[in-house]
C-alpha atoms as a PDB file:
ATOM      1  CA  MET A   1     106.750  55.429 138.310  1.00  0.00           C
ATOM      2  CA  ALA A   2     103.282  53.597 138.492  1.00  0.00           C
ATOM      3  CA  ILE A   3     103.734  52.575 134.794  1.00  0.00           C
ATOM      4  CA  SER A   4     107.175  51.102 135.354  1.00  0.00           C
ATOM      5  CA  THR A   5     105.884  49.177 138.368  1.00  0.00           C
ATOM      6  CA  ASN A   6     103.063  47.757 136.403  1.00  0.00           C
ATOM      7  CA  ILE A   7     105.324  46.680 133.540  1.00  0.00           C
ATOM      8  CA  ASP A   8     107.673  45.074 136.041  1.00  0.00           C
ATOM      9  CA  ARG A   9     104.673  43.136 137.561  1.00  0.00           C
ATOM     10  CA  LEU A  10     103.479  42.061 134.241  1.00  0.00           C
ATOM     11  CA  HIS A  11     106.956  40.883 133.229  1.00  0.00           C
ATOM     12  CA  ARG A  12     107.403  38.800 136.585  1.00  0.00           C
ATOM     13  CA  GLY A  13     103.816  37.427 136.082  1.00  0.00           C
ATOM     14  CA  MET A  14     104.675  36.139 132.582  1.00  0.00           C
ATOM     15  CA  ARG A  15     107.934  34.688 133.992  1.00  0.00           C
ATOM     16  CA  PHE A  16     105.923  32.925 136.672  1.00  0.00           C
ATOM     17  CA  ILE A  17     103.501  31.555 133.992  1.00  0.00           C
ATOM     18  CA  VAL A  18     106.284  30.260 131.884  1.00  0.00           C
ATOM     19  CA  THR A  19     107.890  28.770 134.840  1.00  0.00           C
ATOM     20  CA  ALA A  20     104.747  26.919 135.977  1.00  0.00           C
ATOM     21  CA  LEU A  21     103.917  25.658 132.360  1.00  0.00           C
ATOM     22  CA  THR A  22     107.364  24.522 131.988  1.00  0.00           C
ATOM     23  CA  GLY A  23     107.178  22.537 135.034  1.00  0.00           C
ATOM     24  CA  VAL A  24     103.875  21.099 134.009  1.00  0.00           C
ATOM     25  CA  LEU A  25     105.343  19.957 130.732  1.00  0.00           C
ATOM     26  CA  ALA A  26     108.328  18.434 132.470  1.00  0.00           C
ATOM     27  CA  GLY A  27     105.916  16.399 134.390  1.00  0.00           C
ATOM     28  CA  PHE A  28     103.980  15.284 131.348  1.00  0.00           C
ATOM     29  CA  LEU A  29     107.146  14.148 129.487  1.00  0.00           C
ATOM     30  CA  ILE A  30     108.591  12.374 132.568  1.00  0.00           C
ATOM     31  CA  SER A  31     105.343  10.759 133.006  1.00  0.00           C
ATOM     32  CA  HIS A  32     105.265   9.735 129.355  1.00  0.00           C
ATOM     33  CA  SER A  33     108.870   8.432 129.563  1.00  0.00           C
ATOM     34  CA  ILE A  34     108.146   6.233 132.540  1.00  0.00           C
ATOM     35  CA  MET A  35     104.834   4.758 131.633  1.00  0.00           C
ATOM     36  CA  LEU A  36     102.874   5.717 128.517  1.00  0.00           C
ATOM     37  CA  GLY A  37     105.566   5.548 126.177  1.00  0.00           C
ATOM     38  CA  ARG A  38     106.878   2.390 127.427  1.00  0.00           C
ATOM     39  CA  PHE A  39     103.332   0.963 127.099  1.00  0.00           C
ATOM     40  CA  PHE A  40     103.100   2.166 123.450  1.00  0.00           C
ATOM     41  CA  ASP A  41     106.509   0.595 122.697  1.00  0.00           C
ATOM     42  CA  TRP A  42     105.314  -2.665 124.324  1.00  0.00           C
ATOM     43  CA  VAL A  43     101.982  -2.763 122.322  1.00  0.00           C
ATOM     44  CA  LEU A  44     103.924  -2.180 119.081  1.00  0.00           C
ATOM     45  CA  ALA A  45     106.576  -4.723 119.941  1.00  0.00           C
ATOM     46  CA  ALA A  46     103.693  -7.260 120.575  1.00  0.00           C
ATOM     47  CA  GLY A  47     102.385  -6.599 117.073  1.00  0.00           C
ATOM     48  CA  ASN A  48      99.219  -5.190 118.529  1.00  0.00           C
ATOM     49  CA  ASN A  49      98.869  -2.288 116.055  1.00  0.00           C
ATOM     50  CA  ALA A  50      95.144  -2.606 115.953  1.00  0.00           C
ATOM     51  CA  PHE A  51      95.025  -1.306 119.693  1.00  0.00           C
ATOM     52  CA  PHE A  52      95.725   2.157 118.357  1.00  0.00           C
ATOM     53  CA  ALA A  53      92.863   2.153 115.804  1.00  0.00           C
ATOM     54  CA  ASP A  54      90.397   0.119 117.951  1.00  0.00           C
ATOM     55  CA  THR A  55      91.014   1.623 121.330  1.00  0.00           C
ATOM     56  CA  PHE A  56      93.518   4.473 121.607  1.00  0.00           C
ATOM     57  CA  ALA A  57      92.158   6.577 118.620  1.00  0.00           C
ATOM     58  CA  PRO A  58      88.506   6.392 119.892  1.00  0.00           C
ATOM     59  CA  PHE A  59      89.740   7.335 123.494  1.00  0.00           C
ATOM     60  CA  ARG A  60      91.493  10.272 122.167  1.00  0.00           C
ATOM     61  CA  ALA A  61      88.448  11.254 120.127  1.00  0.00           C
ATOM     62  CA  ALA A  62      86.117  10.850 123.165  1.00  0.00           C
ATOM     63  CA  THR A  63      88.211  12.539 125.861  1.00  0.00           C
ATOM     64  CA  HIS A  64      90.097  15.193 123.715  1.00  0.00           C
ATOM     65  CA  ALA A  65      93.231  14.239 125.915  1.00  0.00           C
ATOM     66  CA  ASN A  66      95.575  15.286 123.076  1.00  0.00           C
ATOM     67  CA  VAL A  67      93.607  18.655 122.752  1.00  0.00           C
ATOM     68  CA  HIS A  68      94.148  19.388 126.481  1.00  0.00           C
ATOM     69  CA  TYR A  69      97.901  18.328 126.180  1.00  0.00           C
ATOM     70  CA  ASN A  70      98.386  20.519 123.126  1.00  0.00           C
ATOM     71  CA  ALA A  71      96.626  23.543 124.721  1.00  0.00           C
ATOM     72  CA  VAL A  72      99.231  23.487 127.521  1.00  0.00           C
ATOM     73  CA  LEU A  73     102.015  23.378 124.890  1.00  0.00           C
ATOM     74  CA  TRP A  74     100.483  26.274 122.944  1.00  0.00           C
ATOM     75  CA  LEU A  75      99.967  28.291 126.222  1.00  0.00           C
ATOM     76  CA  SER A  76     103.711  27.687 127.018  1.00  0.00           C
ATOM     77  CA  LEU A  77     104.699  28.766 123.577  1.00  0.00           C
ATOM     78  CA  ILE A  78     102.588  32.003 123.684  1.00  0.00           C
ATOM     79  CA  ALA A  79     103.680  32.929 127.304  1.00  0.00           C
ATOM     80  CA  GLY A  80     107.236  32.257 126.445  1.00  0.00           C
ATOM     81  CA  LEU A  81     106.996  34.480 123.372  1.00  0.00           C
ATOM     82  CA  LEU A  82     105.334  37.314 125.376  1.00  0.00           C
ATOM     83  CA  TRP A  83     107.819  37.041 128.110  1.00  0.00           C
ATOM     84  CA  LEU A  84     110.648  37.131 125.556  1.00  0.00           C
ATOM     85  CA  VAL A  85     109.225  40.198 124.056  1.00  0.00           C
ATOM     86  CA  SER A  86     108.884  41.968 127.272  1.00  0.00           C
ATOM     87  CA  SER A  87     112.378  40.804 128.271  1.00  0.00           C
ATOM     88  CA  PHE A  88     113.756  42.607 125.285  1.00  0.00           C
ATOM     89  CA  VAL A  89     111.649  45.712 125.871  1.00  0.00           C
ATOM     90  CA  LEU A  90     112.807  45.772 129.572  1.00  0.00           C
ATOM     91  CA  GLN A  91     116.380  44.673 128.621  1.00  0.00           C
ATOM     92  CA  ARG A  92     116.170  41.981 131.430  1.00  0.00           C
ATOM     93  CA  ASP A  93     116.334  38.220 131.354  1.00  0.00           C
ATOM     94  CA  ARG A  94     116.864  38.066 127.660  1.00  0.00           C
ATOM     95  CA  ILE A  95     119.106  35.019 127.463  1.00  0.00           C
ATOM     96  CA  LEU A  96     116.864  33.257 130.003  1.00  0.00           C
ATOM     97  CA  ALA A  97     113.604  34.015 128.038  1.00  0.00           C
ATOM     98  CA  LEU A  98     115.277  33.014 124.837  1.00  0.00           C
ATOM     99  CA  THR A  99     116.513  29.621 126.078  1.00  0.00           C
ATOM    100  CA  ALA A 100     114.515  28.208 128.981  1.00  0.00           C
ATOM    101  CA  GLY A 101     111.535  30.444 128.453  1.00  0.00           C
ATOM    102  CA  LEU A 102     111.008  29.196 124.818  1.00  0.00           C
ATOM    103  CA  SER A 103     111.589  25.562 125.754  1.00  0.00           C
ATOM    104  CA  SER A 104     108.341  24.647 123.984  1.00  0.00           C
ATOM    105  CA  PHE A 105     109.584  26.268 120.821  1.00  0.00           C
ATOM    106  CA  TRP A 106     112.864  24.437 120.853  1.00  0.00           C
ATOM    107  CA  VAL A 107     111.309  21.112 121.833  1.00  0.00           C
ATOM    108  CA  GLY A 108     108.633  21.619 119.080  1.00  0.00           C
ATOM    109  CA  ALA A 109     111.203  22.461 116.393  1.00  0.00           C
ATOM    110  CA  VAL A 110     113.060  19.082 117.141  1.00  0.00           C
ATOM    111  CA  PHE A 111     109.726  17.113 117.287  1.00  0.00           C
ATOM    112  CA  PHE A 112     108.486  18.395 113.916  1.00  0.00           C
ATOM    113  CA  ALA A 113     111.859  18.592 112.116  1.00  0.00           C
ATOM    114  CA  SER A 114     112.731  15.044 112.947  1.00  0.00           C
ATOM    115  CA  GLY A 115     109.645  13.701 111.438  1.00  0.00           C
ATOM    116  CA  PHE A 116     108.597  12.282 114.782  1.00  0.00           C
ATOM    117  CA  ALA A 117     105.422  14.301 114.842  1.00  0.00           C
ATOM    118  CA  GLU A 118     104.043  12.625 111.605  1.00  0.00           C
ATOM    119  CA  ALA A 119     105.129   9.176 113.018  1.00  0.00           C
ATOM    120  CA  GLU A 120     103.401   9.719 116.427  1.00  0.00           C
ATOM    121  CA  ALA A 121     100.150  11.118 114.943  1.00  0.00           C
ATOM    122  CA  ALA A 122      99.974   8.104 112.581  1.00  0.00           C
ATOM    123  CA  VAL A 123     100.741   5.522 115.144  1.00  0.00           C
ATOM    124  CA  CYS A 124      98.351   6.969 117.728  1.00  0.00           C
ATOM    125  CA  SER A 125      95.498   7.218 115.265  1.00  0.00           C
ATOM    126  CA  GLY A 126      96.020   3.653 114.101  1.00  0.00           C
ATOM    127  CA  VAL A 127      96.932   4.490 110.411  1.00  0.00           C
ATOM    128  CA  ALA A 128     100.752   4.164 110.625  1.00  0.00           C
ATOM    129  CA  ASP A 129     102.375   1.970 107.908  1.00  0.00           C
ATOM    130  CA  ASP A 130     105.486  -0.136 108.694  1.00  0.00           C
ATOM    131  CA  THR A 131     108.037   2.822 108.039  1.00  0.00           C
ATOM    132  CA  LEU A 132     106.238   5.061 110.401  1.00  0.00           C
ATOM    133  CA  ARG A 133     105.821   2.526 113.035  1.00  0.00           C
ATOM    134  CA  GLU A 134     109.458   1.702 112.876  1.00  0.00           C
ATOM    135  CA  LEU A 135     110.340   5.294 113.186  1.00  0.00           C
ATOM    136  CA  TYR A 136     108.121   5.766 116.095  1.00  0.00           C
ATOM    137  CA  ALA A 137     109.530   2.623 117.786  1.00  0.00           C
ATOM    138  CA  VAL A 138     113.080   3.840 117.299  1.00  0.00           C
ATOM    139  CA  LEU A 139     112.432   7.441 118.472  1.00  0.00           C
ATOM    140  CA  ASN A 140     109.644   7.276 121.010  1.00  0.00           C
ATOM    141  CA  LEU A 141     111.543   6.832 124.212  1.00  0.00           C
ATOM    142  CA  PRO A 142     114.860   8.561 123.455  1.00  0.00           C
ATOM    143  CA  MET A 143     112.825  11.578 122.079  1.00  0.00           C
ATOM    144  CA  HIS A 144     110.451  11.787 124.926  1.00  0.00           C
ATOM    145  CA  ARG A 145     113.355  11.242 127.575  1.00  0.00           C
ATOM    146  CA  ALA A 146     115.280  14.158 125.736  1.00  0.00           C
ATOM    147  CA  PHE A 147     112.246  16.407 125.935  1.00  0.00           C
ATOM    148  CA  ALA A 148     111.631  15.514 129.604  1.00  0.00           C
ATOM    149  CA  LEU A 149     115.332  16.371 130.292  1.00  0.00           C
ATOM    150  CA  ALA A 150     115.062  19.575 128.311  1.00  0.00           C
ATOM    151  CA  TYR A 151     111.924  20.741 130.124  1.00  0.00           C
ATOM    152  CA  THR A 152     113.224  19.567 133.521  1.00  0.00           C
ATOM    153  CA  LEU A 153     116.499  21.582 132.973  1.00  0.00           C
ATOM    154  CA  ALA A 154     114.564  24.605 131.716  1.00  0.00           C
ATOM    155  CA  PHE A 155     112.232  24.414 134.681  1.00  0.00           C
ATOM    156  CA  SER A 156     115.169  24.039 137.177  1.00  0.00           C
ATOM    157  CA  THR A 157     116.843  27.011 135.566  1.00  0.00           C
ATOM    158  CA  LEU A 158     113.917  29.243 135.640  1.00  0.00           C
ATOM    159  CA  LEU A 159     113.541  28.306 139.327  1.00  0.00           C
ATOM    160  CA  TRP A 160     117.037  28.959 140.099  1.00  0.00           C
ATOM    161  CA  ALA A 161     117.138  32.100 138.304  1.00  0.00           C
ATOM    162  CA  GLY A 162     113.984  33.239 140.105  1.00  0.00           C
ATOM    163  CA  THR A 163     115.703  32.810 143.323  1.00  0.00           C
ATOM    164  CA  ARG A 164     118.668  34.910 142.132  1.00  0.00           C
ATOM    165  CA  THR A 165     116.469  37.826 141.197  1.00  0.00           C
ATOM    166  CA  VAL A 166     116.675  40.673 143.612  1.00  0.00           C
ATOM    167  CA  ARG A 167     113.543  42.989 143.744  1.00  0.00           C
ATOM    168  CA  PRO A 168     113.797  46.424 145.311  1.00  0.00           C
ATOM    169  CA  HIS A 169     112.155  46.639 148.647  1.00  0.00           C
ATOM    170  CA  SER A 170     109.406  49.071 148.976  1.00  0.00           C
ATOM    171  CA  THR A 171     109.989  51.685 151.801  1.00  0.00           C
ATOM    172  CA  ALA A 172     107.008  51.999 153.930  1.00  0.00           C
ATOM    173  CA  SER A 173     106.604  55.294 155.626  1.00  0.00           C
END
């Protein structure tokens, strides 16, 4: 009985971590859609491509801001995978774990498959050619808004499903 209780606690703990990280990522992407993404589009539209090489790339190198952001993405992906495995082992929350719990996987798949990852990396490092800048300008806000929506829906679904979970009450003697 104690092993079953510990597995259940571990499963719930992973679900909590996935939910929290999904909420953080939703916030990141909403913020990007509202402010940073629009700023980047404005800089590109003004033809100030040197901003990225002269200012933004050194900022990223000095602060490691992109490393911190990517760490949250990787933690979300790893936690989602662990929760998915435990969901299948326990035969519980499988569809939820596969969809909302792996939101970082699905968002990442679109990010890389679309070619946007390459365009964003090139623009932010200041080495993008005209083709990559154009791809970035066309996809930046729509892509980040779609990701913000995906993470927000996943987060909301995880929260809602968490309120629907009924746990057995312990009987105290």
